């Protein structure tokens, strides 16, 4: 299966061209803003580097959040546009699932839970619990660091994401920060999308928090 995957839901823009477990071409740039402008040129460069036409793709994969409201919207708009233009199904993957899937096997063997923690920049985190084998618990939620111990209980937790270093401080000796990348790897996103069924309505955003910008009251 040949998949174009991309993420701009966090503080980076990442694109990968993936075929049956192998990344053919990949590019990522860390950025706090400007993902919407950077994404399509990055996709174009990766497709050219992989010498692949859009019509040859089997799927398009995109992160659907939680994360930056603007970044999630930009990624979804690109995925939907490319899907319609190329008549290729688009698959949405949770940002938290992509982070959790990158945790190495040796860390999974010593943990009862994986916690994906994304800094919301609002004083809390988007968090999502997974079993050590990657099975998710419910859906992502927003939570402060001080609320994490009661929520997680006595689990031995490995934490991944850009909020991991802060979250681990409240969890004591039963928690550790994963050696996995704190940013989403588009190659991992593609691998998850290869095993997922395309949604009939297409990818839909998962914001958790409402957008920080609201329309003025008439």
N, C-alpha and C. Protein backbone atom coordinates (compact mmCIF):
# COMPACT_ATOMS: atom_id res chain seq x y z
N UNK A 1 0.84 -1.20 0.00
CA UNK A 1 0.00 0.00 0.00
C UNK A 1 0.88 1.25 0.00
N UNK A 2 0.55 2.20 -0.86
CA UNK A 2 1.32 3.43 -1.00
C UNK A 2 0.52 4.58 -0.40
N UNK A 3 1.11 5.25 0.60
CA UNK A 3 0.38 6.26 1.37
C UNK A 3 1.19 7.55 1.47
N UNK A 4 0.53 8.66 1.24
CA UNK A 4 1.07 9.97 1.56
C UNK A 4 0.48 10.39 2.90
N UNK A 5 1.35 10.67 3.87
CA UNK A 5 0.88 11.03 5.22
C UNK A 5 1.48 12.37 5.61
N UNK A 6 0.68 13.17 6.32
CA UNK A 6 1.21 14.45 6.79
C UNK A 6 0.54 14.90 8.07
N UNK A 7 1.29 15.70 8.82
CA UNK A 7 0.83 16.23 10.10
C UNK A 7 1.28 17.67 10.24
N UNK A 8 0.35 18.52 10.65
CA UNK A 8 0.73 19.89 11.03
C UNK A 8 -0.11 20.32 12.23
N UNK A 9 -0.46 19.35 13.08
CA UNK A 9 -1.30 19.62 14.24
C UNK A 9 -0.53 20.15 15.44
N UNK A 10 0.79 20.08 15.39
CA UNK A 10 1.62 20.53 16.51
C UNK A 10 2.69 21.50 16.06
N UNK A 11 3.77 21.63 16.83
CA UNK A 11 4.80 22.62 16.51
C UNK A 11 5.79 22.14 15.44
N UNK A 12 5.27 21.54 14.39
CA UNK A 12 6.11 21.08 13.28
C UNK A 12 5.20 20.81 12.09
N UNK A 13 5.82 20.67 10.94
CA UNK A 13 5.14 20.24 9.73
C UNK A 13 5.90 19.01 9.23
N UNK A 14 5.21 17.89 9.04
CA UNK A 14 5.86 16.63 8.71
C UNK A 14 5.11 15.93 7.59
N UNK A 15 5.84 15.42 6.60
CA UNK A 15 5.25 14.73 5.46
C UNK A 15 6.09 13.49 5.17
N UNK A 16 5.42 12.38 4.85
CA UNK A 16 6.14 11.16 4.47
C UNK A 16 5.40 10.45 3.35
N UNK A 17 6.17 9.85 2.46
CA UNK A 17 5.65 8.96 1.44
C UNK A 17 6.07 7.55 1.85
N UNK A 18 5.11 6.67 2.04
CA UNK A 18 5.33 5.37 2.70
C UNK A 18 4.76 4.25 1.85
N UNK A 19 5.52 3.16 1.73
CA UNK A 19 5.01 1.99 1.02
C UNK A 19 5.33 0.73 1.80
N UNK A 20 4.31 0.03 2.26
CA UNK A 20 4.43 -1.29 2.88
C UNK A 20 5.54 -1.35 3.94
N UNK A 21 5.55 -0.37 4.83
CA UNK A 21 6.50 -0.38 5.93
C UNK A 21 7.79 0.37 5.69
N UNK A 22 7.99 0.88 4.48
CA UNK A 22 9.22 1.60 4.16
C UNK A 22 8.90 3.05 3.81
N UNK A 23 9.64 3.98 4.42
CA UNK A 23 9.49 5.39 4.09
C UNK A 23 10.32 5.68 2.85
N UNK A 24 9.67 6.07 1.77
CA UNK A 24 10.35 6.34 0.51
C UNK A 24 10.95 7.74 0.47
N UNK A 25 10.27 8.69 1.09
CA UNK A 25 10.74 10.07 1.15
C UNK A 25 10.06 10.73 2.33
N UNK A 26 10.76 11.65 2.98
CA UNK A 26 10.22 12.27 4.19
C UNK A 26 10.86 13.64 4.41
N UNK A 27 10.07 14.53 4.99
CA UNK A 27 10.59 15.85 5.34
C UNK A 27 9.83 16.35 6.57
N UNK A 28 10.55 17.02 7.47
CA UNK A 28 9.90 17.61 8.64
C UNK A 28 10.64 18.87 9.03
N UNK A 29 9.87 19.87 9.43
CA UNK A 29 10.45 21.12 9.90
C UNK A 29 9.70 21.57 11.15
N UNK A 30 10.45 21.85 12.20
CA UNK A 30 9.84 22.36 13.42
C UNK A 30 9.45 23.82 13.21
N UNK A 31 8.22 24.17 13.59
CA UNK A 31 7.75 25.55 13.46
C UNK A 31 6.58 25.76 14.41
N UNK A 32 6.53 26.91 15.05
CA UNK A 32 5.44 27.23 15.95
C UNK A 32 4.22 27.76 15.19
N UNK A 33 4.47 28.35 14.04
CA UNK A 33 3.37 28.86 13.21
C UNK A 33 3.81 28.80 11.75
N UNK A 34 2.86 28.97 10.85
CA UNK A 34 3.17 28.94 9.42
C UNK A 34 3.00 27.58 8.78
N UNK A 35 2.42 26.61 9.50
CA UNK A 35 2.26 25.27 8.94
C UNK A 35 1.37 25.27 7.69
N UNK A 36 0.32 26.09 7.71
CA UNK A 36 -0.59 26.12 6.57
C UNK A 36 0.13 26.51 5.29
N UNK A 37 1.06 27.45 5.41
CA UNK A 37 1.81 27.90 4.23
C UNK A 37 2.89 26.89 3.83
N UNK A 38 3.43 26.17 4.82
CA UNK A 38 4.54 25.26 4.55
C UNK A 38 4.10 23.90 4.03
N UNK A 39 2.86 23.50 4.34
CA UNK A 39 2.45 22.12 4.09
C UNK A 39 2.46 21.73 2.62
N UNK A 40 1.77 22.47 1.76
CA UNK A 40 1.65 22.04 0.37
C UNK A 40 2.99 22.03 -0.37
N UNK A 41 3.86 23.05 -0.18
CA UNK A 41 5.19 22.94 -0.80
C UNK A 41 5.98 21.74 -0.30
N UNK A 42 5.83 21.39 0.99
CA UNK A 42 6.52 20.23 1.53
C UNK A 42 5.98 18.94 0.92
N UNK A 43 4.67 18.84 0.77
CA UNK A 43 4.08 17.69 0.11
C UNK A 43 4.61 17.55 -1.32
N UNK A 44 4.68 18.66 -2.03
CA UNK A 44 5.18 18.64 -3.41
C UNK A 44 6.62 18.13 -3.47
N UNK A 45 7.47 18.59 -2.53
CA UNK A 45 8.87 18.16 -2.52
C UNK A 45 8.99 16.67 -2.21
N UNK A 46 8.20 16.20 -1.26
CA UNK A 46 8.26 14.78 -0.88
C UNK A 46 7.78 13.89 -2.03
N UNK A 47 6.71 14.29 -2.69
CA UNK A 47 6.22 13.50 -3.82
C UNK A 47 7.25 13.45 -4.95
N UNK A 48 7.91 14.57 -5.19
CA UNK A 48 8.95 14.59 -6.23
C UNK A 48 10.14 13.75 -5.80
N UNK A 49 10.53 13.82 -4.53
CA UNK A 49 11.66 13.03 -4.05
C UNK A 49 11.36 11.53 -4.15
N UNK A 50 10.09 11.17 -3.98
CA UNK A 50 9.70 9.77 -4.11
C UNK A 50 9.32 9.38 -5.52
N UNK A 51 9.44 10.32 -6.47
CA UNK A 51 9.12 10.07 -7.88
C UNK A 51 7.76 9.41 -8.04
N UNK A 52 6.76 9.99 -7.36
CA UNK A 52 5.42 9.39 -7.32
C UNK A 52 4.37 10.40 -7.73
N UNK A 53 3.42 9.96 -8.53
CA UNK A 53 2.27 10.80 -8.91
C UNK A 53 1.15 10.57 -7.90
N UNK A 54 0.33 11.58 -7.70
CA UNK A 54 -0.78 11.45 -6.76
C UNK A 54 -1.72 10.32 -7.15
N UNK A 55 -1.89 10.09 -8.44
CA UNK A 55 -2.81 9.05 -8.90
C UNK A 55 -2.33 7.65 -8.53
N UNK A 56 -1.05 7.52 -8.19
CA UNK A 56 -0.51 6.21 -7.82
C UNK A 56 -0.77 5.87 -6.35
N UNK A 57 -1.19 6.85 -5.56
CA UNK A 57 -1.40 6.63 -4.14
C UNK A 57 -2.62 5.75 -3.89
N UNK A 58 -2.55 4.97 -2.81
CA UNK A 58 -3.70 4.19 -2.36
C UNK A 58 -4.50 4.92 -1.30
N UNK A 59 -3.80 5.73 -0.48
CA UNK A 59 -4.47 6.47 0.58
C UNK A 59 -3.70 7.75 0.88
N UNK A 60 -4.42 8.68 1.48
CA UNK A 60 -3.83 9.87 2.08
C UNK A 60 -4.14 9.80 3.57
N UNK A 61 -3.15 10.03 4.41
CA UNK A 61 -3.32 9.99 5.86
C UNK A 61 -3.03 11.36 6.45
N UNK A 62 -3.85 11.76 7.42
CA UNK A 62 -3.66 13.07 8.05
C UNK A 62 -3.99 12.96 9.53
N UNK A 63 -3.28 13.70 10.36
CA UNK A 63 -3.60 13.78 11.78
C UNK A 63 -4.81 14.69 11.96
N UNK A 64 -5.74 14.26 12.79
CA UNK A 64 -7.00 15.01 12.96
C UNK A 64 -7.08 15.71 14.31
N UNK A 65 -5.99 15.73 15.08
CA UNK A 65 -5.99 16.33 16.39
C UNK A 65 -6.07 15.26 17.46
N UNK A 66 -6.08 15.69 18.71
CA UNK A 66 -6.06 17.09 19.15
C UNK A 66 -4.71 17.75 18.92
N UNK A 67 -4.76 19.08 18.89
CA UNK A 67 -3.56 19.86 18.66
C UNK A 67 -3.94 21.29 18.37
N UNK A 68 -3.09 21.97 17.62
CA UNK A 68 -3.36 23.34 17.23
C UNK A 68 -4.61 23.41 16.36
N UNK A 69 -5.54 24.28 16.71
CA UNK A 69 -6.78 24.42 15.93
C UNK A 69 -6.45 24.76 14.48
N UNK A 70 -5.58 25.74 14.28
CA UNK A 70 -5.23 26.16 12.91
C UNK A 70 -4.52 25.05 12.17
N UNK A 71 -3.59 24.36 12.84
CA UNK A 71 -2.84 23.30 12.20
C UNK A 71 -3.72 22.12 11.80
N UNK A 72 -4.63 21.72 12.70
CA UNK A 72 -5.55 20.63 12.38
C UNK A 72 -6.40 21.00 11.17
N UNK A 73 -6.93 22.22 11.15
CA UNK A 73 -7.76 22.66 10.03
C UNK A 73 -6.97 22.66 8.72
N UNK A 74 -5.73 23.12 8.76
CA UNK A 74 -4.91 23.17 7.55
C UNK A 74 -4.65 21.77 7.01
N UNK A 75 -4.32 20.84 7.90
CA UNK A 75 -4.07 19.47 7.48
C UNK A 75 -5.31 18.82 6.87
N UNK A 76 -6.45 19.01 7.51
CA UNK A 76 -7.69 18.42 7.01
C UNK A 76 -8.08 19.02 5.65
N UNK A 77 -7.91 20.33 5.51
CA UNK A 77 -8.23 20.96 4.23
C UNK A 77 -7.37 20.41 3.11
N UNK A 78 -6.08 20.21 3.39
CA UNK A 78 -5.19 19.65 2.37
C UNK A 78 -5.57 18.22 2.03
N UNK A 79 -5.87 17.42 3.05
CA UNK A 79 -6.23 16.02 2.82
C UNK A 79 -7.52 15.90 2.01
N UNK A 80 -8.50 16.70 2.36
CA UNK A 80 -9.77 16.64 1.65
C UNK A 80 -9.61 17.10 0.20
N UNK A 81 -8.84 18.17 -0.01
CA UNK A 81 -8.62 18.66 -1.36
C UNK A 81 -7.90 17.65 -2.23
N UNK A 82 -6.83 17.05 -1.70
CA UNK A 82 -6.08 16.06 -2.46
C UNK A 82 -6.91 14.80 -2.70
N UNK A 83 -7.71 14.43 -1.71
CA UNK A 83 -8.56 13.24 -1.85
C UNK A 83 -9.59 13.44 -2.96
N UNK A 84 -10.22 14.60 -2.98
CA UNK A 84 -11.22 14.87 -4.02
C UNK A 84 -10.59 14.97 -5.40
N UNK A 85 -9.46 15.65 -5.48
CA UNK A 85 -8.81 15.86 -6.77
C UNK A 85 -8.29 14.55 -7.36
N UNK A 86 -7.77 13.68 -6.50
CA UNK A 86 -7.16 12.44 -6.97
C UNK A 86 -8.08 11.23 -6.87
N UNK A 87 -9.25 11.42 -6.23
CA UNK A 87 -10.20 10.32 -6.00
C UNK A 87 -9.55 9.18 -5.22
N UNK A 88 -8.84 9.56 -4.17
CA UNK A 88 -8.15 8.62 -3.29
C UNK A 88 -8.72 8.80 -1.90
N UNK A 89 -9.00 7.73 -1.18
CA UNK A 89 -9.56 7.88 0.17
C UNK A 89 -8.57 8.53 1.13
N UNK A 90 -9.09 9.38 2.00
CA UNK A 90 -8.29 10.01 3.05
C UNK A 90 -8.66 9.38 4.39
N UNK A 91 -7.66 9.12 5.21
CA UNK A 91 -7.84 8.47 6.51
C UNK A 91 -7.34 9.41 7.59
N UNK A 92 -8.17 9.65 8.59
CA UNK A 92 -7.77 10.49 9.70
C UNK A 92 -7.27 9.66 10.87
N UNK A 93 -6.17 10.09 11.47
CA UNK A 93 -5.56 9.39 12.61
C UNK A 93 -5.39 10.39 13.76
N UNK A 94 -5.75 9.98 14.96
CA UNK A 94 -5.55 10.84 16.13
C UNK A 94 -4.07 11.16 16.33
N UNK A 95 -3.78 12.40 16.66
CA UNK A 95 -2.40 12.79 16.96
C UNK A 95 -1.85 11.98 18.12
N UNK A 96 -2.68 11.75 19.13
CA UNK A 96 -2.25 10.99 20.30
C UNK A 96 -1.92 9.55 19.94
N UNK A 97 -2.67 8.96 19.01
CA UNK A 97 -2.40 7.59 18.59
C UNK A 97 -1.06 7.49 17.86
N UNK A 98 -0.76 8.49 17.02
CA UNK A 98 0.51 8.50 16.31
C UNK A 98 1.68 8.62 17.28
N UNK A 99 1.53 9.44 18.31
CA UNK A 99 2.59 9.56 19.32
C UNK A 99 2.78 8.26 20.07
N UNK A 100 1.68 7.65 20.52
CA UNK A 100 1.77 6.42 21.30
C UNK A 100 2.37 5.28 20.48
N UNK A 101 2.07 5.22 19.19
CA UNK A 101 2.56 4.14 18.34
C UNK A 101 4.07 4.19 18.16
N UNK A 102 4.68 5.33 18.41
CA UNK A 102 6.13 5.48 18.23
C UNK A 102 6.93 5.01 19.44
N UNK A 103 6.27 4.70 20.56
CA UNK A 103 6.98 4.27 21.76
C UNK A 103 7.66 2.92 21.50
N UNK A 104 8.95 2.79 21.78
CA UNK A 104 9.68 1.55 21.49
C UNK A 104 9.17 0.35 22.30
N UNK A 105 9.36 -0.83 21.76
CA UNK A 105 8.88 -2.05 22.41
C UNK A 105 9.50 -2.29 23.77
N UNK A 106 10.77 -1.96 23.95
CA UNK A 106 11.40 -2.21 25.25
C UNK A 106 10.78 -1.35 26.34
N UNK A 107 10.30 -0.17 26.00
CA UNK A 107 9.61 0.67 26.98
C UNK A 107 8.20 0.15 27.26
N UNK A 108 7.57 -0.43 26.28
CA UNK A 108 6.24 -1.00 26.47
C UNK A 108 6.28 -2.18 27.45
N UNK A 109 7.36 -2.94 27.40
CA UNK A 109 7.44 -4.13 28.25
C UNK A 109 7.51 -3.79 29.73
N UNK A 110 7.96 -2.60 30.07
CA UNK A 110 8.09 -2.22 31.48
C UNK A 110 6.96 -1.33 31.96
N UNK A 111 5.96 -1.07 31.10
CA UNK A 111 4.86 -0.16 31.45
C UNK A 111 3.52 -0.87 31.38
N UNK A 112 2.57 -0.41 32.18
CA UNK A 112 1.20 -0.90 32.06
C UNK A 112 0.36 0.03 31.19
N UNK A 113 0.79 1.27 31.07
CA UNK A 113 0.05 2.23 30.24
C UNK A 113 1.03 3.11 29.46
N UNK A 114 0.57 3.58 28.32
CA UNK A 114 1.24 4.65 27.57
C UNK A 114 0.35 5.87 27.68
N UNK A 115 0.96 7.01 27.95
CA UNK A 115 0.21 8.26 28.01
C UNK A 115 0.77 9.22 26.97
N UNK A 116 -0.08 9.61 26.04
CA UNK A 116 0.29 10.67 25.10
C UNK A 116 -0.14 12.00 25.71
N UNK A 117 0.79 12.94 25.81
CA UNK A 117 0.53 14.23 26.43
C UNK A 117 0.99 15.35 25.51
N UNK A 118 0.05 16.16 25.06
CA UNK A 118 0.33 17.27 24.14
C UNK A 118 0.07 18.57 24.87
N UNK A 119 1.04 19.46 24.87
CA UNK A 119 0.90 20.76 25.51
C UNK A 119 -0.09 21.62 24.73
N UNK A 120 -1.16 22.05 25.40
CA UNK A 120 -2.18 22.86 24.71
C UNK A 120 -1.80 24.34 24.61
N UNK A 121 -0.75 24.74 25.34
CA UNK A 121 -0.37 26.15 25.44
C UNK A 121 -1.42 26.97 26.19
N UNK A 122 -2.30 26.30 26.92
CA UNK A 122 -3.34 26.97 27.71
C UNK A 122 -3.23 26.62 29.19
N UNK A 123 -2.12 26.01 29.58
CA UNK A 123 -1.95 25.63 30.97
C UNK A 123 -2.39 24.22 31.28
N UNK A 124 -2.74 23.43 30.26
CA UNK A 124 -3.08 22.04 30.48
C UNK A 124 -2.59 21.20 29.31
N UNK A 125 -3.04 19.94 29.25
CA UNK A 125 -2.57 19.02 28.23
C UNK A 125 -3.75 18.32 27.57
N UNK A 126 -3.57 17.94 26.31
CA UNK A 126 -4.42 16.93 25.71
C UNK A 126 -3.78 15.59 26.07
N UNK A 127 -4.52 14.74 26.76
CA UNK A 127 -3.96 13.46 27.18
C UNK A 127 -4.84 12.32 26.70
N UNK A 128 -4.21 11.18 26.49
CA UNK A 128 -4.91 10.00 25.99
C UNK A 128 -4.17 8.78 26.51
N UNK A 129 -4.88 7.89 27.18
CA UNK A 129 -4.28 6.67 27.71
C UNK A 129 -4.37 5.53 26.69
N UNK A 130 -3.32 4.71 26.67
CA UNK A 130 -3.28 3.51 25.84
C UNK A 130 -2.73 2.36 26.66
N UNK A 131 -3.20 1.15 26.38
CA UNK A 131 -2.56 -0.03 26.94
C UNK A 131 -1.15 -0.14 26.34
N UNK A 132 -0.33 -0.97 26.95
CA UNK A 132 1.04 -1.13 26.46
C UNK A 132 1.07 -1.65 25.03
N UNK A 133 0.02 -2.38 24.63
CA UNK A 133 -0.02 -2.89 23.25
C UNK A 133 -0.59 -1.88 22.25
N UNK A 134 -0.93 -0.68 22.74
CA UNK A 134 -1.43 0.37 21.86
C UNK A 134 -2.94 0.51 21.83
N UNK A 135 -3.67 -0.36 22.52
CA UNK A 135 -5.13 -0.25 22.56
C UNK A 135 -5.54 1.02 23.30
N UNK A 136 -6.36 1.89 22.69
CA UNK A 136 -6.70 3.16 23.34
C UNK A 136 -7.77 3.00 24.42
N UNK A 137 -7.72 3.90 25.41
CA UNK A 137 -8.77 4.03 26.41
C UNK A 137 -9.62 5.23 26.04
N UNK A 138 -10.86 5.02 25.70
CA UNK A 138 -11.79 6.10 25.41
C UNK A 138 -11.21 7.07 24.39
N UNK A 139 -11.35 8.37 24.65
CA UNK A 139 -10.92 9.41 23.74
C UNK A 139 -10.00 10.39 24.45
N UNK A 140 -9.27 11.22 23.69
CA UNK A 140 -8.42 12.24 24.33
C UNK A 140 -9.27 13.22 25.14
N UNK A 141 -8.67 13.72 26.22
CA UNK A 141 -9.32 14.73 27.06
C UNK A 141 -8.31 15.81 27.37
N UNK A 142 -8.80 16.95 27.86
CA UNK A 142 -7.93 18.03 28.32
C UNK A 142 -7.84 17.96 29.84
N UNK A 143 -6.62 18.10 30.38
CA UNK A 143 -6.43 17.92 31.81
C UNK A 143 -5.18 18.66 32.28
N UNK A 144 -5.22 19.20 33.49
CA UNK A 144 -4.04 19.83 34.07
C UNK A 144 -3.09 18.76 34.59
N UNK A 145 -1.84 19.12 34.76
CA UNK A 145 -0.85 18.17 35.25
C UNK A 145 -1.19 17.67 36.65
N UNK A 146 -1.73 18.53 37.49
CA UNK A 146 -2.04 18.13 38.86
C UNK A 146 -3.18 17.12 38.94
N UNK A 147 -4.01 17.05 37.90
CA UNK A 147 -5.11 16.08 37.89
C UNK A 147 -4.69 14.70 37.38
N UNK A 148 -3.49 14.60 36.81
CA UNK A 148 -3.07 13.33 36.21
C UNK A 148 -2.94 12.17 37.20
N UNK A 149 -2.35 12.35 38.40
CA UNK A 149 -2.19 11.19 39.29
C UNK A 149 -3.50 10.49 39.62
N UNK A 150 -4.53 11.23 39.95
CA UNK A 150 -5.81 10.61 40.28
C UNK A 150 -6.42 9.93 39.06
N UNK A 151 -6.24 10.51 37.90
CA UNK A 151 -6.81 9.96 36.67
C UNK A 151 -6.12 8.66 36.26
N UNK A 152 -4.80 8.59 36.44
CA UNK A 152 -4.04 7.43 36.01
C UNK A 152 -3.98 6.32 37.05
N UNK A 153 -4.19 6.66 38.32
CA UNK A 153 -4.07 5.66 39.37
C UNK A 153 -2.62 5.26 39.58
N UNK A 154 -2.40 3.98 39.87
CA UNK A 154 -1.06 3.48 40.18
C UNK A 154 -0.36 2.84 38.98
N UNK A 155 -0.77 3.18 37.79
CA UNK A 155 -0.19 2.58 36.60
C UNK A 155 1.28 2.95 36.44
N UNK A 156 2.06 2.01 35.91
CA UNK A 156 3.43 2.33 35.48
C UNK A 156 3.31 2.91 34.07
N UNK A 157 3.62 4.19 33.95
CA UNK A 157 3.29 4.93 32.73
C UNK A 157 4.55 5.38 32.01
N UNK A 158 4.56 5.21 30.70
CA UNK A 158 5.57 5.84 29.86
C UNK A 158 4.86 6.94 29.08
N UNK A 159 5.43 8.14 29.10
CA UNK A 159 4.76 9.32 28.56
C UNK A 159 5.48 9.79 27.31
N UNK A 160 4.69 10.14 26.29
CA UNK A 160 5.25 10.60 25.02
C UNK A 160 4.50 11.86 24.59
N UNK A 161 5.20 12.74 23.89
CA UNK A 161 4.60 13.98 23.42
C UNK A 161 5.34 15.18 23.98
N UNK A 162 5.01 16.36 23.47
CA UNK A 162 5.74 17.55 23.90
C UNK A 162 5.34 18.02 25.30
N UNK A 163 4.34 17.38 25.90
CA UNK A 163 3.99 17.67 27.29
C UNK A 163 4.55 16.67 28.28
N UNK A 164 5.30 15.68 27.79
CA UNK A 164 5.77 14.59 28.65
C UNK A 164 6.69 15.06 29.77
N UNK A 165 7.64 15.94 29.46
CA UNK A 165 8.62 16.37 30.47
C UNK A 165 7.95 17.09 31.63
N UNK A 166 6.89 17.82 31.36
CA UNK A 166 6.17 18.51 32.44
C UNK A 166 5.24 17.54 33.16
N UNK A 167 4.54 16.70 32.43
CA UNK A 167 3.59 15.78 33.04
C UNK A 167 4.26 14.79 33.98
N UNK A 168 5.47 14.35 33.64
CA UNK A 168 6.13 13.34 34.45
C UNK A 168 6.47 13.84 35.85
N UNK A 169 6.60 15.15 36.00
CA UNK A 169 6.98 15.72 37.30
C UNK A 169 5.90 15.50 38.36
N UNK A 170 4.66 15.33 37.95
CA UNK A 170 3.57 15.15 38.91
C UNK A 170 3.26 13.68 39.18
N UNK A 171 3.91 12.77 38.46
CA UNK A 171 3.52 11.36 38.53
C UNK A 171 4.47 10.47 39.33
N UNK A 172 5.58 11.00 39.76
CA UNK A 172 6.47 10.24 40.63
C UNK A 172 7.24 9.13 39.94
N UNK A 173 7.68 8.14 40.74
CA UNK A 173 8.59 7.11 40.24
C UNK A 173 7.94 6.10 39.31
N UNK A 174 6.62 6.07 39.26
CA UNK A 174 5.95 5.12 38.38
C UNK A 174 5.85 5.57 36.94
N UNK A 175 6.39 6.73 36.63
CA UNK A 175 6.29 7.28 35.28
C UNK A 175 7.66 7.65 34.74
N UNK A 176 7.80 7.54 33.44
CA UNK A 176 9.04 7.99 32.79
C UNK A 176 8.71 8.54 31.41
N UNK A 177 9.59 9.40 30.94
CA UNK A 177 9.43 9.99 29.61
C UNK A 177 10.00 9.02 28.57
N UNK A 178 9.25 8.79 27.52
CA UNK A 178 9.70 7.90 26.46
C UNK A 178 10.87 8.50 25.69
N UNK A 179 11.67 7.62 25.14
CA UNK A 179 12.76 8.06 24.26
C UNK A 179 12.24 8.37 22.85
N UNK A 180 10.96 8.07 22.59
CA UNK A 180 10.37 8.36 21.28
C UNK A 180 10.34 9.86 21.03
N UNK A 181 10.31 10.22 19.77
CA UNK A 181 10.25 11.62 19.38
C UNK A 181 9.01 12.27 19.99
N UNK A 182 9.17 13.49 20.49
CA UNK A 182 8.04 14.20 21.08
C UNK A 182 7.11 14.79 20.03
N UNK A 183 7.53 14.77 18.78
CA UNK A 183 6.72 15.26 17.67
C UNK A 183 6.26 14.09 16.80
N UNK A 184 5.17 14.28 16.10
CA UNK A 184 4.60 13.20 15.30
C UNK A 184 5.48 12.90 14.09
N UNK A 185 5.72 11.60 13.88
CA UNK A 185 6.45 11.10 12.72
C UNK A 185 5.42 10.73 11.66
N UNK A 186 5.47 11.37 10.51
CA UNK A 186 4.49 11.09 9.46
C UNK A 186 4.59 9.67 8.95
N UNK A 187 5.76 9.04 9.08
CA UNK A 187 5.89 7.63 8.70
C UNK A 187 5.06 6.73 9.61
N UNK A 188 5.03 7.03 10.91
CA UNK A 188 4.20 6.29 11.86
C UNK A 188 2.73 6.52 11.54
N UNK A 189 2.39 7.75 11.20
CA UNK A 189 1.02 8.09 10.82
C UNK A 189 0.56 7.24 9.63
N UNK A 190 1.44 7.07 8.66
CA UNK A 190 1.12 6.26 7.49
C UNK A 190 0.90 4.81 7.86
N UNK A 191 1.74 4.27 8.73
CA UNK A 191 1.61 2.87 9.15
C UNK A 191 0.27 2.62 9.84
N UNK A 192 -0.16 3.56 10.67
CA UNK A 192 -1.47 3.44 11.32
C UNK A 192 -2.60 3.52 10.30
N UNK A 193 -2.46 4.41 9.33
CA UNK A 193 -3.50 4.58 8.31
C UNK A 193 -3.63 3.35 7.43
N UNK A 194 -2.55 2.60 7.25
CA UNK A 194 -2.60 1.39 6.43
C UNK A 194 -3.50 0.34 7.06
N UNK A 195 -3.64 0.39 8.40
CA UNK A 195 -4.45 -0.61 9.11
C UNK A 195 -5.85 -0.10 9.45
N UNK A 196 -6.13 1.16 9.12
CA UNK A 196 -7.42 1.76 9.47
C UNK A 196 -8.36 1.76 8.27
N UNK A 197 -9.64 1.74 8.56
CA UNK A 197 -10.64 1.82 7.49
C UNK A 197 -10.96 3.28 7.21
N UNK A 198 -10.98 3.69 5.94
CA UNK A 198 -11.36 5.08 5.62
C UNK A 198 -12.77 5.39 6.11
N UNK A 199 -12.94 6.57 6.68
CA UNK A 199 -14.26 6.99 7.15
C UNK A 199 -15.12 7.41 5.96
N UNK A 200 -16.38 6.93 5.89
CA UNK A 200 -17.23 7.29 4.75
C UNK A 200 -17.39 8.80 4.57
N UNK A 201 -17.42 9.53 5.70
CA UNK A 201 -17.59 10.98 5.63
C UNK A 201 -16.26 11.72 5.49
N UNK A 202 -15.16 10.97 5.44
CA UNK A 202 -13.84 11.58 5.39
C UNK A 202 -13.34 11.91 6.78
N UNK A 203 -12.07 12.33 6.90
CA UNK A 203 -11.52 12.65 8.22
C UNK A 203 -12.26 13.81 8.87
N UNK A 204 -12.49 13.70 10.17
CA UNK A 204 -13.15 14.77 10.91
C UNK A 204 -12.23 15.22 12.05
N UNK A 205 -12.25 16.51 12.38
CA UNK A 205 -11.33 17.01 13.40
C UNK A 205 -11.71 16.57 14.81
N UNK A 206 -10.69 16.43 15.65
CA UNK A 206 -10.88 16.16 17.08
C UNK A 206 -10.18 17.30 17.82
N UNK A 207 -10.95 18.26 18.30
CA UNK A 207 -10.37 19.46 18.90
C UNK A 207 -10.22 19.34 20.41
N UNK A 208 -11.14 18.68 21.10
CA UNK A 208 -11.21 18.58 22.57
C UNK A 208 -11.54 19.94 23.17
N UNK A 209 -10.62 20.91 23.07
CA UNK A 209 -10.90 22.29 23.47
C UNK A 209 -11.65 23.01 22.35
N UNK A 210 -12.55 23.92 22.66
CA UNK A 210 -13.10 24.78 21.61
C UNK A 210 -12.02 25.74 21.13
N UNK A 211 -12.16 26.29 19.92
CA UNK A 211 -11.14 27.23 19.42
C UNK A 211 -11.02 28.44 20.33
N UNK A 212 -9.79 28.97 20.42
CA UNK A 212 -9.54 30.14 21.28
C UNK A 212 -10.15 31.41 20.69
N UNK A 213 -10.32 31.43 19.37
CA UNK A 213 -10.88 32.62 18.70
C UNK A 213 -12.38 32.38 18.50
N UNK A 214 -13.19 33.33 18.90
CA UNK A 214 -14.64 33.23 18.72
C UNK A 214 -15.14 34.42 17.92
N UNK A 215 -16.28 34.23 17.25
CA UNK A 215 -16.87 35.30 16.47
C UNK A 215 -17.51 36.33 17.39
N UNK A 216 -17.44 37.62 17.04
CA UNK A 216 -18.07 38.63 17.89
C UNK A 216 -19.59 38.48 17.91
N UNK A 217 -20.18 38.81 19.02
CA UNK A 217 -21.64 38.76 19.15
C UNK A 217 -22.26 39.92 18.39
N UNK A 218 -23.29 39.66 17.55
CA UNK A 218 -23.89 40.75 16.77
C UNK A 218 -24.51 41.80 17.69
